Amino acid sequence: MNAKTATSALGVLFVVVGFAMLFVPGLAGLFDANEVFLSLIGLGFALQTVRVVNARRRTPYEQATTADPEIAQELPTPGDDFDDLMDQAAAVRYSGAQRDTVRERLRAAAVAVIVRTEGLSREQAIERIDDGSWTDDPYAAAFFTGEIQGTSLLQRVSLFDRTRSQFERWATHAAKEIVDLSEGENA
């Protein structure tokens, strides 16, 4: 038995005896209560206290770690994929597949908006898109019909923009007109 164990055992013994005398006063009458006896009990308490404190000081400090807070995710903005598709269709001079996809998506959106806002059947909406009567914007109508109707030569020249292709200009007009029709429904 080492010194630590002996000190602990002696401290525990003194603590137990001290509490026993405290709770059972008849036991205290068995011992002569002089200063030496009280000093030994106090010393036992002190030894036990020192042992516990030293044990706590040698125990490695462990700190709880918290999980990282949730990190905000970058989520795509609705319509980003269409914007990318539009850029691809406009950037490649003869990109038939991307242009066909843009045209199909805009046609589907136009049909849905016309059916919803004007109460027409799907077939009637497709007829209006095919003949260009679905909008007052001649460039939006031209996106689906393939020809500009009802514009003067001056209007055609003012729309001429060398930085963007005709497809991109007309598609932009069609998309804007579809959005305007849809927002007109919500207004």
C-alpha atoms as a PDB file:
ATOM      1  CA  MET A   1       0.000   0.000   0.000  1.00  0.00           C
ATOM      2  CA  ASN A   2       1.504   3.337  -1.029  1.00  0.00           C
ATOM      3  CA  ALA A   3       1.350   6.642   0.806  1.00  0.00           C
ATOM      4  CA  LYS A   4      -1.503   7.959  -1.311  1.00  0.00           C
ATOM      5  CA  THR A   5      -3.737   5.027  -0.543  1.00  0.00           C
ATOM      6  CA  ALA A   6      -2.865   5.129   3.161  1.00  0.00           C
ATOM      7  CA  THR A   7      -3.571   8.856   3.334  1.00  0.00           C
ATOM      8  CA  SER A   8      -6.870   8.380   1.531  1.00  0.00           C
ATOM      9  CA  ALA A   9      -7.909   5.520   3.797  1.00  0.00           C
ATOM     10  CA  LEU A  10      -6.981   7.474   6.950  1.00  0.00           C
ATOM     11  CA  GLY A  11      -8.860  10.547   5.665  1.00  0.00           C
ATOM     12  CA  VAL A  12     -11.936   8.511   4.847  1.00  0.00           C
ATOM     13  CA  LEU A  13     -11.787   6.839   8.290  1.00  0.00           C
ATOM     14  CA  PHE A  14     -11.629  10.193  10.070  1.00  0.00           C
ATOM     15  CA  VAL A  15     -14.494  11.576   7.985  1.00  0.00           C
ATOM     16  CA  VAL A  16     -16.658   8.542   8.725  1.00  0.00           C
ATOM     17  CA  VAL A  17     -15.903   8.713  12.460  1.00  0.00           C
ATOM     18  CA  GLY A  18     -16.589  12.442  12.507  1.00  0.00           C
ATOM     19  CA  PHE A  19     -19.969  12.043  10.798  1.00  0.00           C
ATOM     20  CA  ALA A  20     -20.856   9.089  13.006  1.00  0.00           C
ATOM     21  CA  MET A  21     -20.268  11.155  16.115  1.00  0.00           C
ATOM     22  CA  LEU A  22     -22.222  14.014  14.648  1.00  0.00           C
ATOM     23  CA  PHE A  23     -25.317  11.927  13.902  1.00  0.00           C
ATOM     24  CA  VAL A  24     -25.083   9.530  16.857  1.00  0.00           C
ATOM     25  CA  PRO A  25     -24.185  11.658  19.908  1.00  0.00           C
ATOM     26  CA  GLY A  26     -23.781   8.563  22.144  1.00  0.00           C
ATOM     27  CA  LEU A  27     -20.640   7.599  20.178  1.00  0.00           C
ATOM     28  CA  ALA A  28     -19.003  10.879  21.054  1.00  0.00           C
ATOM     29  CA  GLY A  29     -19.273   9.941  24.761  1.00  0.00           C
ATOM     30  CA  LEU A  30     -17.004   6.904  24.148  1.00  0.00           C
ATOM     31  CA  PHE A  31     -14.124   9.149  23.263  1.00  0.00           C
ATOM     32  CA  ASP A  32     -12.554  11.826  25.403  1.00  0.00           C
ATOM     33  CA  ALA A  33     -13.333  14.957  23.402  1.00  0.00           C
ATOM     34  CA  ASN A  34     -10.237  16.960  23.865  1.00  0.00           C
ATOM     35  CA  GLU A  35      -8.406  19.206  21.504  1.00  0.00           C
ATOM     36  CA  VAL A  36      -6.136  16.427  20.222  1.00  0.00           C
ATOM     37  CA  PHE A  37      -9.053  14.320  19.087  1.00  0.00           C
ATOM     38  CA  LEU A  38     -10.750  17.255  17.338  1.00  0.00           C
ATOM     39  CA  SER A  39      -7.451  18.201  15.762  1.00  0.00           C
ATOM     40  CA  LEU A  40      -7.045  14.656  14.365  1.00  0.00           C
ATOM     41  CA  ILE A  41     -10.495  14.768  12.813  1.00  0.00           C
ATOM     42  CA  GLY A  42      -9.722  18.197  11.328  1.00  0.00           C
ATOM     43  CA  LEU A  43      -6.416  16.841  10.008  1.00  0.00           C
ATOM     44  CA  GLY A  44      -8.307  13.925   8.409  1.00  0.00           C
ATOM     45  CA  PHE A  45     -10.628  16.350   6.679  1.00  0.00           C
ATOM     46  CA  ALA A  46      -7.640  18.406   5.499  1.00  0.00           C
ATOM     47  CA  LEU A  47      -5.786  15.330   4.156  1.00  0.00           C
ATOM     48  CA  GLN A  48      -8.834  14.129   2.283  1.00  0.00           C
ATOM     49  CA  THR A  49      -9.384  17.593   0.830  1.00  0.00           C
ATOM     50  CA  VAL A  50      -5.748  17.830  -0.325  1.00  0.00           C
ATOM     51  CA  ARG A  51      -5.994  14.395  -1.945  1.00  0.00           C
ATOM     52  CA  VAL A  52      -9.145  15.259  -3.868  1.00  0.00           C
ATOM     53  CA  VAL A  53      -7.775  18.614  -4.995  1.00  0.00           C
ATOM     54  CA  ASN A  54      -4.494  17.048  -6.205  1.00  0.00           C
ATOM     55  CA  ALA A  55      -6.367  14.338  -8.076  1.00  0.00           C
ATOM     56  CA  ARG A  56      -8.452  16.993  -9.809  1.00  0.00           C
ATOM     57  CA  ARG A  57      -5.372  19.025 -10.735  1.00  0.00           C
ATOM     58  CA  ARG A  58      -3.748  16.004 -12.408  1.00  0.00           C
ATOM     59  CA  THR A  59      -6.862  15.158 -14.396  1.00  0.00           C
ATOM     60  CA  PRO A  60      -6.471  16.434 -17.949  1.00  0.00           C
ATOM     61  CA  TYR A  61      -8.740  19.300 -18.852  1.00  0.00           C
ATOM     62  CA  GLU A  62     -11.403  18.249 -21.315  1.00  0.00           C
ATOM     63  CA  GLN A  63     -13.503  20.806 -23.041  1.00  0.00           C
ATOM     64  CA  ALA A  64     -16.612  19.890 -24.915  1.00  0.00           C
ATOM     65  CA  THR A  65     -16.553  20.852 -28.543  1.00  0.00           C
ATOM     66  CA  THR A  66     -19.626  22.040 -30.308  1.00  0.00           C
ATOM     67  CA  ALA A  67     -20.450  21.174 -33.852  1.00  0.00           C
ATOM     68  CA  ASP A  68     -19.936  23.793 -36.513  1.00  0.00           C
ATOM     69  CA  PRO A  69     -23.002  25.890 -37.134  1.00  0.00           C
ATOM     70  CA  GLU A  70     -24.835  25.141 -40.310  1.00  0.00           C
ATOM     71  CA  ILE A  71     -23.059  26.762 -43.192  1.00  0.00           C
ATOM     72  CA  ALA A  72     -25.173  28.597 -45.717  1.00  0.00           C
ATOM     73  CA  GLN A  73     -25.344  26.788 -48.999  1.00  0.00           C
ATOM     74  CA  GLU A  74     -25.081  28.405 -52.361  1.00  0.00           C
ATOM     75  CA  LEU A  75     -28.356  27.612 -54.048  1.00  0.00           C
ATOM     76  CA  PRO A  76     -29.054  28.362 -57.681  1.00  0.00           C
ATOM     77  CA  THR A  77     -31.365  31.198 -58.520  1.00  0.00           C
ATOM     78  CA  PRO A  78     -34.463  30.073 -60.397  1.00  0.00           C
ATOM     79  CA  GLY A  79     -33.865  30.609 -64.091  1.00  0.00           C
ATOM     80  CA  ASP A  80     -30.065  30.390 -63.957  1.00  0.00           C
ATOM     81  CA  ASP A  81     -30.083  27.231 -66.052  1.00  0.00           C
ATOM     82  CA  PHE A  82     -32.206  28.963 -68.683  1.00  0.00           C
ATOM     83  CA  ASP A  83     -29.877  31.968 -68.686  1.00  0.00           C
ATOM     84  CA  ASP A  84     -26.931  29.630 -69.217  1.00  0.00           C
ATOM     85  CA  LEU A  85     -28.769  27.879 -72.036  1.00  0.00           C
ATOM     86  CA  MET A  86     -29.567  31.263 -73.582  1.00  0.00           C
ATOM     87  CA  ASP A  87     -25.900  32.273 -73.386  1.00  0.00           C
ATOM     88  CA  GLN A  88     -24.870  29.030 -75.064  1.00  0.00           C
ATOM     89  CA  ALA A  89     -27.476  29.430 -77.787  1.00  0.00           C
ATOM     90  CA  ALA A  90     -26.372  33.015 -78.423  1.00  0.00           C
ATOM     91  CA  ALA A  91     -22.634  32.369 -78.204  1.00  0.00           C
ATOM     92  CA  VAL A  92     -22.429  29.522 -80.694  1.00  0.00           C
ATOM     93  CA  ARG A  93     -23.244  30.908 -84.110  1.00  0.00           C
ATOM     94  CA  TYR A  94     -25.091  27.829 -85.378  1.00  0.00           C
ATOM     95  CA  SER A  95     -26.078  25.988 -82.205  1.00  0.00           C
ATOM     96  CA  GLY A  96     -29.313  24.430 -83.387  1.00  0.00           C
ATOM     97  CA  ALA A  97     -29.835  22.156 -80.384  1.00  0.00           C
ATOM     98  CA  GLN A  98     -29.534  24.927 -77.784  1.00  0.00           C
ATOM     99  CA  ARG A  99     -31.689  27.272 -79.851  1.00  0.00           C
ATOM    100  CA  ASP A 100     -34.349  24.611 -80.303  1.00  0.00           C
ATOM    101  CA  THR A 101     -34.336  23.982 -76.540  1.00  0.00           C
ATOM    102  CA  VAL A 102     -34.700  27.708 -75.816  1.00  0.00           C
ATOM    103  CA  ARG A 103     -37.510  28.003 -78.371  1.00  0.00           C
ATOM    104  CA  GLU A 104     -39.343  24.949 -76.930  1.00  0.00           C
ATOM    105  CA  ARG A 105     -39.062  26.179 -73.342  1.00  0.00           C
ATOM    106  CA  LEU A 106     -40.254  29.681 -74.215  1.00  0.00           C
ATOM    107  CA  ARG A 107     -43.107  28.253 -76.321  1.00  0.00           C
ATOM    108  CA  ALA A 108     -44.209  26.007 -73.423  1.00  0.00           C
ATOM    109  CA  ALA A 109     -44.068  28.954 -71.014  1.00  0.00           C
ATOM    110  CA  ALA A 110     -46.008  31.186 -73.428  1.00  0.00           C
ATOM    111  CA  VAL A 111     -48.704  28.541 -73.934  1.00  0.00           C
ATOM    112  CA  ALA A 112     -49.066  28.040 -70.166  1.00  0.00           C
ATOM    113  CA  VAL A 113     -49.311  31.780 -69.497  1.00  0.00           C
ATOM    114  CA  ILE A 114     -51.814  32.415 -72.297  1.00  0.00           C
ATOM    115  CA  VAL A 115     -53.997  29.501 -71.185  1.00  0.00           C
ATOM    116  CA  ARG A 116     -53.899  30.731 -67.589  1.00  0.00           C
ATOM    117  CA  THR A 117     -54.343  34.473 -68.203  1.00  0.00           C
ATOM    118  CA  GLU A 118     -56.772  34.466 -71.133  1.00  0.00           C
ATOM    119  CA  GLY A 119     -58.721  31.303 -70.369  1.00  0.00           C
ATOM    120  CA  LEU A 120     -58.068  29.806 -73.796  1.00  0.00           C
ATOM    121  CA  SER A 121     -57.581  26.149 -74.573  1.00  0.00           C
ATOM    122  CA  ARG A 122     -54.080  24.864 -75.216  1.00  0.00           C
ATOM    123  CA  GLU A 123     -54.766  24.546 -78.952  1.00  0.00           C
ATOM    124  CA  GLN A 124     -56.096  28.129 -79.148  1.00  0.00           C
ATOM    125  CA  ALA A 125     -53.021  29.406 -77.319  1.00  0.00           C
ATOM    126  CA  ILE A 126     -50.729  27.565 -79.758  1.00  0.00           C
ATOM    127  CA  GLU A 127     -52.639  29.100 -82.703  1.00  0.00           C
ATOM    128  CA  ARG A 128     -52.195  32.590 -81.246  1.00  0.00           C
ATOM    129  CA  ILE A 129     -48.468  31.980 -80.787  1.00  0.00           C
ATOM    130  CA  ASP A 130     -48.081  30.595 -84.312  1.00  0.00           C
ATOM    131  CA  ASP A 131     -49.850  33.561 -85.936  1.00  0.00           C
ATOM    132  CA  GLY A 132     -48.159  36.153 -83.661  1.00  0.00           C
ATOM    133  CA  SER A 133     -51.366  37.573 -82.194  1.00  0.00           C
ATOM    134  CA  TRP A 134     -50.473  36.616 -78.616  1.00  0.00           C
ATOM    135  CA  THR A 135     -48.525  39.861 -78.068  1.00  0.00           C
ATOM    136  CA  ASP A 136     -48.237  43.449 -79.279  1.00  0.00           C
ATOM    137  CA  ASP A 137     -44.425  43.197 -79.324  1.00  0.00           C
ATOM    138  CA  PRO A 138     -43.507  42.375 -82.939  1.00  0.00           C
ATOM    139  CA  TYR A 139     -40.080  41.051 -81.941  1.00  0.00           C
ATOM    140  CA  ALA A 140     -41.526  38.680 -79.347  1.00  0.00           C
ATOM    141  CA  ALA A 141     -44.031  37.442 -81.920  1.00  0.00           C
ATOM    142  CA  ALA A 142     -41.253  37.100 -84.505  1.00  0.00           C
ATOM    143  CA  PHE A 143     -39.374  34.742 -82.211  1.00  0.00           C
ATOM    144  CA  PHE A 144     -42.053  32.100 -82.834  1.00  0.00           C
ATOM    145  CA  THR A 145     -43.267  33.112 -86.320  1.00  0.00           C
ATOM    146  CA  GLY A 146     -39.856  33.811 -87.831  1.00  0.00           C
ATOM    147  CA  GLU A 147     -40.811  37.163 -89.352  1.00  0.00           C
ATOM    148  CA  ILE A 148     -41.380  40.671 -88.067  1.00  0.00           C
ATOM    149  CA  GLN A 149     -44.791  42.090 -88.861  1.00  0.00           C
ATOM    150  CA  GLY A 150     -46.055  45.603 -88.319  1.00  0.00           C
ATOM    151  CA  THR A 151     -42.767  47.459 -87.850  1.00  0.00           C
ATOM    152  CA  SER A 152     -41.264  50.227 -89.878  1.00  0.00           C
ATOM    153  CA  LEU A 153     -37.804  50.208 -91.384  1.00  0.00           C
ATOM    154  CA  LEU A 154     -36.755  52.805 -88.776  1.00  0.00           C
ATOM    155  CA  GLN A 155     -37.854  50.520 -85.910  1.00  0.00           C
ATOM    156  CA  ARG A 156     -35.947  47.634 -87.421  1.00  0.00           C
ATOM    157  CA  VAL A 157     -32.771  49.710 -87.751  1.00  0.00           C
ATOM    158  CA  SER A 158     -33.055  51.056 -84.187  1.00  0.00           C
ATOM    159  CA  LEU A 159     -33.222  47.500 -82.888  1.00  0.00           C
ATOM    160  CA  PHE A 160     -30.126  46.513 -84.817  1.00  0.00           C
ATOM    161  CA  ASP A 161     -27.495  45.539 -82.242  1.00  0.00           C
ATOM    162  CA  ARG A 162     -24.187  44.090 -83.355  1.00  0.00           C
ATOM    163  CA  THR A 163     -23.335  42.804 -79.872  1.00  0.00           C
ATOM    164  CA  ARG A 164     -26.240  40.347 -79.840  1.00  0.00           C
ATOM    165  CA  SER A 165     -27.609  37.992 -82.443  1.00  0.00           C
ATOM    166  CA  GLN A 166     -31.111  38.312 -83.871  1.00  0.00           C
ATOM    167  CA  PHE A 167     -32.019  35.080 -82.088  1.00  0.00           C
ATOM    168  CA  GLU A 168     -30.900  36.473 -78.736  1.00  0.00           C
ATOM    169  CA  ARG A 169     -32.731  39.792 -79.232  1.00  0.00           C
ATOM    170  CA  TRP A 170     -35.968  38.113 -80.275  1.00  0.00           C
ATOM    171  CA  ALA A 171     -35.728  35.486 -77.515  1.00  0.00           C
ATOM    172  CA  THR A 172     -35.168  38.243 -74.950  1.00  0.00           C
ATOM    173  CA  HIS A 173     -38.262  40.091 -76.196  1.00  0.00           C
ATOM    174  CA  ALA A 174     -40.310  36.887 -76.068  1.00  0.00           C
ATOM    175  CA  ALA A 175     -39.143  36.030 -72.543  1.00  0.00           C
ATOM    176  CA  LYS A 176     -39.862  39.576 -71.333  1.00  0.00           C
ATOM    177  CA  GLU A 177     -43.325  39.508 -72.892  1.00  0.00           C
ATOM    178  CA  ILE A 178     -44.097  36.138 -71.264  1.00  0.00           C
ATOM    179  CA  VAL A 179     -43.029  37.512 -67.874  1.00  0.00           C
ATOM    180  CA  ASP A 180     -45.086  40.677 -68.405  1.00  0.00           C
ATOM    181  CA  LEU A 181     -48.176  38.628 -69.322  1.00  0.00           C
ATOM    182  CA  SER A 182     -47.694  36.432 -66.260  1.00  0.00           C
ATOM    183  CA  GLU A 183     -47.201  39.395 -63.941  1.00  0.00           C
ATOM    184  CA  GLY A 184     -50.242  41.112 -65.452  1.00  0.00           C
ATOM    185  CA  GLU A 185     -52.256  38.146 -64.198  1.00  0.00           C
ATOM    186  CA  ASN A 186     -50.978  38.673 -60.642  1.00  0.00           C
ATOM    187  CA  ALA A 187     -51.486  42.441 -60.613  1.00  0.00           C
END
